[in-house]
Amino acid sequence: MAPRRTVNHQKRKPSPYRLPLVLLGAAGVLLLLLGVLLPVDGWKVLLIALGLILLVILQRAVMDRRGGG
């Protein structure tokens, strides 16, 4: 197991993947909310499914970055 870096580590570089992961999560949550709130039945299922897919992709990307298989 690799040693954890502290927050005050001066040579620490920001991750280039942080913003895309945040945007991916925000898009997934937004699609889920739109799917629940929109009154059109055909779009509800599609938006909820896309939101869930994005959140699963986000979860796997975060787990891969942490080395959690």
PDB file of N, CA and C in Angstrom:
ATOM      1  N   MET A   1       0.844  -1.178   0.000  1.00  0.00           N
ATOM      2  CA  MET A   1       0.000   0.000   0.000  1.00  0.00           C
ATOM      3  C   MET A   1       0.888   1.239   0.000  1.00  0.00           C
ATOM      4  N   ALA A   2       0.594   2.177  -0.878  1.00  0.00           N
ATOM      5  CA  ALA A   2       1.397   3.383  -1.005  1.00  0.00           C
ATOM      6  C   ALA A   2       1.109   4.338   0.149  1.00  0.00           C
ATOM      7  N   PRO A   3       2.134   5.065   0.589  1.00  0.00           N
ATOM      8  CA  PRO A   3       1.900   6.028   1.677  1.00  0.00           C
ATOM      9  C   PRO A   3       0.991   7.157   1.204  1.00  0.00           C
ATOM     10  N   ARG A   4       0.148   7.602   2.097  1.00  0.00           N
ATOM     11  CA  ARG A   4      -0.785   8.674   1.758  1.00  0.00           C
ATOM     12  C   ARG A   4      -0.074  10.017   1.786  1.00  0.00           C
ATOM     13  N   ARG A   5      -0.438  10.870   0.849  1.00  0.00           N
ATOM     14  CA  ARG A   5       0.112  12.217   0.822  1.00  0.00           C
ATOM     15  C   ARG A   5      -0.704  13.106   1.743  1.00  0.00           C
ATOM     16  N   THR A   6      -0.035  14.008   2.374  1.00  0.00           N
ATOM     17  CA  THR A   6      -0.749  14.948   3.225  1.00  0.00           C
ATOM     18  C   THR A   6      -1.242  16.125   2.392  1.00  0.00           C
ATOM     19  N   VAL A   7      -2.186  16.858   2.935  1.00  0.00           N
ATOM     20  CA  VAL A   7      -2.754  18.005   2.232  1.00  0.00           C
ATOM     21  C   VAL A   7      -1.709  19.087   2.028  1.00  0.00           C
ATOM     22  N   ASN A   8      -0.765  19.206   2.932  1.00  0.00           N
ATOM     23  CA  ASN A   8       0.225  20.270   2.870  1.00  0.00           C
ATOM     24  C   ASN A   8       1.453  19.920   2.041  1.00  0.00           C
ATOM     25  N   HIS A   9       1.418  18.836   1.325  1.00  0.00           N
ATOM     26  CA  HIS A   9       2.547  18.427   0.509  1.00  0.00           C
ATOM     27  C   HIS A   9       2.760  19.469  -0.587  1.00  0.00           C
ATOM     28  N   GLN A  10       3.947  20.086  -0.621  1.00  0.00           N
ATOM     29  CA  GLN A  10       4.192  21.229  -1.503  1.00  0.00           C
ATOM     30  C   GLN A  10       4.353  20.839  -2.973  1.00  0.00           C
ATOM     31  N   LYS A  11       4.858  19.663  -3.265  1.00  0.00           N
ATOM     32  CA  LYS A  11       5.122  19.265  -4.649  1.00  0.00           C
ATOM     33  C   LYS A  11       3.953  18.521  -5.277  1.00  0.00           C
ATOM     34  N   ARG A  12       2.855  18.493  -4.611  1.00  0.00           N
ATOM     35  CA  ARG A  12       1.691  17.754  -5.097  1.00  0.00           C
ATOM     36  C   ARG A  12       1.076  18.468  -6.292  1.00  0.00           C
ATOM     37  N   LYS A  13       0.858  17.714  -7.366  1.00  0.00           N
ATOM     38  CA  LYS A  13       0.240  18.273  -8.565  1.00  0.00           C
ATOM     39  C   LYS A  13      -1.259  17.986  -8.537  1.00  0.00           C
ATOM     40  N   PRO A  14      -2.077  18.945  -8.955  1.00  0.00           N
ATOM     41  CA  PRO A  14      -3.519  18.668  -9.020  1.00  0.00           C
ATOM     42  C   PRO A  14      -3.818  17.641 -10.110  1.00  0.00           C
ATOM     43  N   SER A  15      -4.790  16.810  -9.844  1.00  0.00           N
ATOM     44  CA  SER A  15      -5.149  15.767 -10.794  1.00  0.00           C
ATOM     45  C   SER A  15      -5.807  16.372 -12.033  1.00  0.00           C
ATOM     46  N   PRO A  16      -5.392  15.955 -13.229  1.00  0.00           N
ATOM     47  CA  PRO A  16      -6.040  16.467 -14.441  1.00  0.00           C
ATOM     48  C   PRO A  16      -7.430  15.876 -14.644  1.00  0.00           C
ATOM     49  N   TYR A  17      -7.795  14.866 -13.842  1.00  0.00           N
ATOM     50  CA  TYR A  17      -9.083  14.203 -14.011  1.00  0.00           C
ATOM     51  C   TYR A  17     -10.137  14.704 -13.039  1.00  0.00           C
ATOM     52  N   ARG A  18      -9.775  15.590 -12.126  1.00  0.00           N
ATOM     53  CA  ARG A  18     -10.720  16.016 -11.098  1.00  0.00           C
ATOM     54  C   ARG A  18     -11.940  16.719 -11.710  1.00  0.00           C
ATOM     55  N   LEU A  19     -11.733  17.717 -12.577  1.00  0.00           N
ATOM     56  CA  LEU A  19     -12.846  18.450 -13.170  1.00  0.00           C
ATOM     57  C   LEU A  19     -13.730  17.556 -14.039  1.00  0.00           C
ATOM     58  N   PRO A  20     -13.172  16.723 -14.926  1.00  0.00           N
ATOM     59  CA  PRO A  20     -14.047  15.841 -15.710  1.00  0.00           C
ATOM     60  C   PRO A  20     -14.880  14.898 -14.842  1.00  0.00           C
ATOM     61  N   LEU A  21     -14.321  14.405 -13.742  1.00  0.00           N
ATOM     62  CA  LEU A  21     -15.087  13.517 -12.869  1.00  0.00           C
ATOM     63  C   LEU A  21     -16.212  14.269 -12.176  1.00  0.00           C
ATOM     64  N   VAL A  22     -15.946  15.498 -11.777  1.00  0.00           N
ATOM     65  CA  VAL A  22     -16.986  16.306 -11.144  1.00  0.00           C
ATOM     66  C   VAL A  22     -18.100  16.603 -12.146  1.00  0.00           C
ATOM     67  N   LEU A  23     -17.723  16.949 -13.367  1.00  0.00           N
ATOM     68  CA  LEU A  23     -18.733  17.232 -14.398  1.00  0.00           C
ATOM     69  C   LEU A  23     -19.533  15.981 -14.751  1.00  0.00           C
ATOM     70  N   LEU A  24     -18.876  14.835 -14.781  1.00  0.00           N
ATOM     71  CA  LEU A  24     -19.566  13.583 -15.063  1.00  0.00           C
ATOM     72  C   LEU A  24     -20.587  13.266 -13.980  1.00  0.00           C
ATOM     73  N   GLY A  25     -20.196  13.445 -12.741  1.00  0.00           N
ATOM     74  CA  GLY A  25     -21.126  13.220 -11.635  1.00  0.00           C
ATOM     75  C   GLY A  25     -22.282  14.201 -11.658  1.00  0.00           C
ATOM     76  N   ALA A  26     -21.995  15.464 -11.938  1.00  0.00           N
ATOM     77  CA  ALA A  26     -23.051  16.482 -12.009  1.00  0.00           C
ATOM     78  C   ALA A  26     -24.022  16.185 -13.146  1.00  0.00           C
ATOM     79  N   ALA A  27     -23.497  15.738 -14.280  1.00  0.00           N
ATOM     80  CA  ALA A  27     -24.365  15.394 -15.403  1.00  0.00           C
ATOM     81  C   ALA A  27     -25.253  14.206 -15.063  1.00  0.00           C
ATOM     82  N   GLY A  28     -24.692  13.217 -14.370  1.00  0.00           N
ATOM     83  CA  GLY A  28     -25.481  12.054 -13.978  1.00  0.00           C
ATOM     84  C   GLY A  28     -26.608  12.427 -13.033  1.00  0.00           C
ATOM     85  N   VAL A  29     -26.297  13.247 -12.041  1.00  0.00           N
ATOM     86  CA  VAL A  29     -27.328  13.679 -11.091  1.00  0.00           C
ATOM     87  C   VAL A  29     -28.380  14.528 -11.783  1.00  0.00           C
ATOM     88  N   LEU A  30     -27.951  15.424 -12.674  1.00  0.00           N
ATOM     89  CA  LEU A  30     -28.895  16.272 -13.407  1.00  0.00           C
ATOM     90  C   LEU A  30     -29.839  15.442 -14.270  1.00  0.00           C
ATOM     91  N   LEU A  31     -29.297  14.445 -14.961  1.00  0.00           N
ATOM     92  CA  LEU A  31     -30.156  13.592 -15.789  1.00  0.00           C
ATOM     93  C   LEU A  31     -31.142  12.797 -14.936  1.00  0.00           C
ATOM     94  N   LEU A  32     -30.692  12.313 -13.783  1.00  0.00           N
ATOM     95  CA  LEU A  32     -31.606  11.607 -12.891  1.00  0.00           C
ATOM     96  C   LEU A  32     -32.735  12.531 -12.428  1.00  0.00           C
ATOM     97  N   LEU A  33     -32.389  13.748 -12.031  1.00  0.00           N
ATOM     98  CA  LEU A  33     -33.416  14.690 -11.576  1.00  0.00           C
ATOM     99  C   LEU A  33     -34.385  15.057 -12.694  1.00  0.00           C
ATOM    100  N   LEU A  34     -33.859  15.307 -13.891  1.00  0.00           N
ATOM    101  CA  LEU A  34     -34.741  15.616 -15.012  1.00  0.00           C
ATOM    102  C   LEU A  34     -35.648  14.438 -15.330  1.00  0.00           C
ATOM    103  N   GLY A  35     -35.096  13.234 -15.243  1.00  0.00           N
ATOM    104  CA  GLY A  35     -35.908  12.052 -15.510  1.00  0.00           C
ATOM    105  C   GLY A  35     -37.042  11.891 -14.518  1.00  0.00           C
ATOM    106  N   VAL A  36     -36.813  12.284 -13.286  1.00  0.00           N
ATOM    107  CA  VAL A  36     -37.854  12.173 -12.268  1.00  0.00           C
ATOM    108  C   VAL A  36     -38.865  13.316 -12.401  1.00  0.00           C
ATOM    109  N   LEU A  37     -38.396  14.504 -12.749  1.00  0.00           N
ATOM    110  CA  LEU A  37     -39.260  15.684 -12.745  1.00  0.00           C
ATOM    111  C   LEU A  37     -40.028  15.927 -14.046  1.00  0.00           C
ATOM    112  N   LEU A  38     -39.528  15.454 -15.185  1.00  0.00           N
ATOM    113  CA  LEU A  38     -40.212  15.713 -16.457  1.00  0.00           C
ATOM    114  C   LEU A  38     -41.524  14.934 -16.540  1.00  0.00           C
ATOM    115  N   PRO A  39     -42.571  15.579 -17.062  1.00  0.00           N
ATOM    116  CA  PRO A  39     -43.858  14.895 -17.144  1.00  0.00           C
ATOM    117  C   PRO A  39     -43.985  13.951 -18.343  1.00  0.00           C
ATOM    118  N   VAL A  40     -43.043  13.967 -19.275  1.00  0.00           N
ATOM    119  CA  VAL A  40     -43.136  13.139 -20.481  1.00  0.00           C
ATOM    120  C   VAL A  40     -42.611  11.740 -20.164  1.00  0.00           C
ATOM    121  N   ASP A  41     -43.468  10.729 -20.318  1.00  0.00           N
ATOM    122  CA  ASP A  41     -43.117   9.370 -19.898  1.00  0.00           C
ATOM    123  C   ASP A  41     -41.979   8.763 -20.699  1.00  0.00           C
ATOM    124  N   GLY A  42     -41.943   8.974 -22.000  1.00  0.00           N
ATOM    125  CA  GLY A  42     -40.915   8.353 -22.823  1.00  0.00           C
ATOM    126  C   GLY A  42     -39.518   8.836 -22.489  1.00  0.00           C
ATOM    127  N   TRP A  43     -39.400  10.099 -22.139  1.00  0.00           N
ATOM    128  CA  TRP A  43     -38.093  10.657 -21.820  1.00  0.00           C
ATOM    129  C   TRP A  43     -37.641  10.301 -20.418  1.00  0.00           C
ATOM    130  N   LYS A  44     -38.573  10.030 -19.532  1.00  0.00           N
ATOM    131  CA  LYS A  44     -38.214   9.725 -18.151  1.00  0.00           C
ATOM    132  C   LYS A  44     -37.282   8.527 -18.069  1.00  0.00           C
ATOM    133  N   VAL A  45     -37.669   7.460 -18.708  1.00  0.00           N
ATOM    134  CA  VAL A  45     -36.887   6.226 -18.639  1.00  0.00           C
ATOM    135  C   VAL A  45     -35.502   6.441 -19.245  1.00  0.00           C
ATOM    136  N   LEU A  46     -35.441   7.132 -20.371  1.00  0.00           N
ATOM    137  CA  LEU A  46     -34.168   7.375 -21.038  1.00  0.00           C
ATOM    138  C   LEU A  46     -33.245   8.235 -20.174  1.00  0.00           C
ATOM    139  N   LEU A  47     -33.775   9.309 -19.614  1.00  0.00           N
ATOM    140  CA  LEU A  47     -32.950  10.196 -18.800  1.00  0.00           C
ATOM    141  C   LEU A  47     -32.474   9.516 -17.517  1.00  0.00           C
ATOM    142  N   ILE A  48     -33.352   8.781 -16.881  1.00  0.00           N
ATOM    143  CA  ILE A  48     -32.953   8.057 -15.667  1.00  0.00           C
ATOM    144  C   ILE A  48     -31.884   7.019 -15.994  1.00  0.00           C
ATOM    145  N   ALA A  49     -32.061   6.305 -17.092  1.00  0.00           N
ATOM    146  CA  ALA A  49     -31.074   5.296 -17.484  1.00  0.00           C
ATOM    147  C   ALA A  49     -29.722   5.949 -17.796  1.00  0.00           C
ATOM    148  N   LEU A  50     -29.720   7.061 -18.534  1.00  0.00           N
ATOM    149  CA  LEU A  50     -28.473   7.746 -18.849  1.00  0.00           C
ATOM    150  C   LEU A  50     -27.800   8.289 -17.585  1.00  0.00           C
ATOM    151  N   GLY A  51     -28.604   8.820 -16.670  1.00  0.00           N
ATOM    152  CA  GLY A  51     -28.050   9.313 -15.409  1.00  0.00           C
ATOM    153  C   GLY A  51     -27.404   8.203 -14.609  1.00  0.00           C
ATOM    154  N   LEU A  52     -28.059   7.058 -14.535  1.00  0.00           N
ATOM    155  CA  LEU A  52     -27.491   5.924 -13.803  1.00  0.00           C
ATOM    156  C   LEU A  52     -26.215   5.408 -14.462  1.00  0.00           C
ATOM    157  N   ILE A  53     -26.212   5.363 -15.791  1.00  0.00           N
ATOM    158  CA  ILE A  53     -25.018   4.912 -16.509  1.00  0.00           C
ATOM    159  C   ILE A  53     -23.849   5.849 -16.228  1.00  0.00           C
ATOM    160  N   LEU A  54     -24.095   7.163 -16.259  1.00  0.00           N
ATOM    161  CA  LEU A  54     -23.030   8.115 -15.974  1.00  0.00           C
ATOM    162  C   LEU A  54     -22.515   7.975 -14.547  1.00  0.00           C
ATOM    163  N   LEU A  55     -23.412   7.744 -13.598  1.00  0.00           N
ATOM    164  CA  LEU A  55     -22.976   7.583 -12.212  1.00  0.00           C
ATOM    165  C   LEU A  55     -22.188   6.288 -12.016  1.00  0.00           C
ATOM    166  N   VAL A  56     -22.547   5.234 -12.733  1.00  0.00           N
ATOM    167  CA  VAL A  56     -21.782   3.979 -12.648  1.00  0.00           C
ATOM    168  C   VAL A  56     -20.396   4.174 -13.252  1.00  0.00           C
ATOM    169  N   ILE A  57     -20.320   4.891 -14.375  1.00  0.00           N
ATOM    170  CA  ILE A  57     -19.020   5.180 -14.986  1.00  0.00           C
ATOM    171  C   ILE A  57     -18.171   6.012 -14.025  1.00  0.00           C
ATOM    172  N   LEU A  58     -18.782   6.988 -13.384  1.00  0.00           N
ATOM    173  CA  LEU A  58     -18.071   7.826 -12.421  1.00  0.00           C
ATOM    174  C   LEU A  58     -17.557   6.985 -11.259  1.00  0.00           C
ATOM    175  N   GLN A  59     -18.382   6.106 -10.746  1.00  0.00           N
ATOM    176  CA  GLN A  59     -17.986   5.270  -9.613  1.00  0.00           C
ATOM    177  C   GLN A  59     -16.811   4.370  -9.993  1.00  0.00           C
ATOM    178  N   ARG A  60     -16.862   3.807 -11.177  1.00  0.00           N
ATOM    179  CA  ARG A  60     -15.756   2.934 -11.616  1.00  0.00           C
ATOM    180  C   ARG A  60     -14.482   3.728 -11.843  1.00  0.00           C
ATOM    181  N   ALA A  61     -14.601   4.946 -12.380  1.00  0.00           N
ATOM    182  CA  ALA A  61     -13.410   5.775 -12.597  1.00  0.00           C
ATOM    183  C   ALA A  61     -12.773   6.154 -11.276  1.00  0.00           C
ATOM    184  N   VAL A  62     -13.581   6.478 -10.287  1.00  0.00           N
ATOM    185  CA  VAL A  62     -13.034   6.836  -8.983  1.00  0.00           C
ATOM    186  C   VAL A  62     -12.382   5.622  -8.328  1.00  0.00           C
ATOM    187  N   MET A  63     -13.008   4.466  -8.436  1.00  0.00           N
ATOM    188  CA  MET A  63     -12.424   3.263  -7.851  1.00  0.00           C
ATOM    189  C   MET A  63     -11.121   2.886  -8.554  1.00  0.00           C
ATOM    190  N   ASP A  64     -11.040   3.073  -9.872  1.00  0.00           N
ATOM    191  CA  ASP A  64      -9.802   2.775 -10.601  1.00  0.00           C
ATOM    192  C   ASP A  64      -8.683   3.714 -10.174  1.00  0.00           C
ATOM    193  N   ARG A  65      -9.003   4.985  -9.940  1.00  0.00           N
ATOM    194  CA  ARG A  65      -7.996   5.945  -9.493  1.00  0.00           C
ATOM    195  C   ARG A  65      -7.484   5.596  -8.120  1.00  0.00           C
ATOM    196  N   ARG A  66      -8.333   5.065  -7.281  1.00  0.00           N
ATOM    197  CA  ARG A  66      -7.922   4.703  -5.917  1.00  0.00           C
ATOM    198  C   ARG A  66      -7.265   3.331  -5.860  1.00  0.00           C
ATOM    199  N   GLY A  67      -7.329   2.600  -6.965  1.00  0.00           N
ATOM    200  CA  GLY A  67      -6.730   1.268  -6.993  1.00  0.00           C
ATOM    201  C   GLY A  67      -7.609   0.219  -6.360  1.00  0.00           C
ATOM    202  N   GLY A  68      -8.916   0.454  -6.382  1.00  0.00           N
ATOM    203  CA  GLY A  68      -9.828  -0.468  -5.715  1.00  0.00           C
ATOM    204  C   GLY A  68     -10.512  -1.447  -6.637  1.00  0.00           C
ATOM    205  N   GLY A  69      -9.920  -1.771  -7.755  1.00  0.00           N
ATOM    206  CA  GLY A  69     -10.444  -2.797  -8.636  1.00  0.00           C
ATOM    207  C   GLY A  69     -11.732  -2.448  -9.214  1.00  0.00           C
TER     208      GLY A  69
END
